Amino acid sequence: GHIELARPVFHPGFIIKVKKILECICVNCGKLKADISDPTFADKIRHVRDPKARMAAVWSHCKTKKVCETDEP
């Protein structure tokens, strides 16, 4: 079951993960900010087996970008 609350409540354990995921997504088009076709990025991600470490690698690559690489002028 569930409880109907007067206001939305966010689970504090997921806030940081959701924030990091949203920081990796382009605001304009909804694509990943990193270019997956870039061989150095793809190799770096492909060889990381741990999901947390993989997410950290993707996030560290995407956090400095404002839009995805395909939308840059």
Protein backbone atom coordinates (compact mmCIF):
# COMPACT_ATOMS: atom_id res chain seq x y z
CA GLY A 1 0.00 0.00 0.00
CA HIS A 2 0.88 3.64 0.13
CA ILE A 3 0.03 6.77 2.09
CA GLU A 4 -1.45 9.83 0.37
CA LEU A 5 0.47 12.89 1.60
CA ALA A 6 -0.50 16.55 1.32
CA ARG A 7 2.81 17.49 -0.35
CA PRO A 8 5.28 15.49 -2.43
CA VAL A 9 8.09 13.94 -0.39
CA PHE A 10 11.35 12.88 -2.00
CA HIS A 11 13.38 9.97 -0.66
CA PRO A 12 16.62 11.46 0.69
CA GLY A 13 18.61 8.40 -0.36
CA PHE A 14 17.89 9.00 -4.05
CA ILE A 15 18.26 12.79 -4.28
CA ILE A 16 22.01 12.75 -4.99
CA LYS A 17 21.72 9.96 -7.59
CA VAL A 18 18.84 11.66 -9.40
CA LYS A 19 20.72 14.99 -9.40
CA LYS A 20 23.80 13.35 -10.94
CA ILE A 21 21.71 11.61 -13.60
CA LEU A 22 19.97 14.87 -14.49
CA GLU A 23 23.33 16.65 -14.73
CA CYS A 24 24.35 14.13 -17.42
CA ILE A 25 21.31 14.83 -19.62
CA CYS A 26 21.08 17.74 -22.11
CA VAL A 27 18.36 20.25 -21.24
CA ASN A 28 17.61 21.06 -24.88
CA CYS A 29 17.30 17.61 -26.46
CA GLY A 30 17.35 15.03 -23.64
CA LYS A 31 20.44 13.19 -24.92
CA LEU A 32 23.51 12.26 -22.92
CA LYS A 33 25.91 15.22 -22.84
CA ALA A 34 28.86 12.96 -23.68
CA ASP A 35 29.52 11.75 -27.20
CA ILE A 36 29.32 7.95 -27.11
CA SER A 37 30.95 7.70 -30.54
CA ASP A 38 34.14 9.21 -29.09
CA PRO A 39 36.47 6.18 -28.83
CA THR A 40 38.33 7.36 -25.71
CA PHE A 41 35.11 7.99 -23.79
CA ALA A 42 33.55 4.72 -25.01
CA ASP A 43 36.62 2.68 -24.01
CA LYS A 44 36.76 4.34 -20.60
CA ILE A 45 33.11 3.52 -19.93
CA ARG A 46 33.13 0.05 -21.48
CA HIS A 47 35.98 -1.22 -19.29
CA VAL A 48 34.44 -0.13 -15.97
CA ARG A 49 32.56 -3.09 -14.52
CA ASP A 50 31.28 -1.50 -11.30
CA PRO A 51 28.02 0.43 -11.95
CA LYS A 52 28.79 3.08 -9.33
CA ALA A 53 32.25 3.68 -10.75
CA ARG A 54 30.82 3.80 -14.29
CA MET A 55 28.23 6.38 -13.25
CA ALA A 56 30.95 8.41 -11.53
CA ALA A 57 33.06 8.34 -14.71
CA VAL A 58 30.14 9.44 -16.90
CA TRP A 59 29.14 12.14 -14.43
CA SER A 60 32.68 13.50 -14.14
CA HIS A 61 32.85 13.72 -17.94
CA CYS A 62 29.42 15.38 -18.30
CA LYS A 63 29.29 17.72 -15.29
CA THR A 64 31.25 20.53 -16.93
CA LYS A 65 29.17 20.62 -20.13
CA LYS A 66 26.06 22.75 -20.47
CA VAL A 67 24.58 21.06 -23.57
CA CYS A 68 25.31 17.84 -25.43
CA GLU A 69 28.24 17.74 -27.85
CA THR A 70 25.95 17.42 -30.88
CA ASP A 71 24.16 20.70 -30.02
CA GLU A 72 27.30 22.81 -29.56
CA PRO A 73 27.59 25.64 -32.13
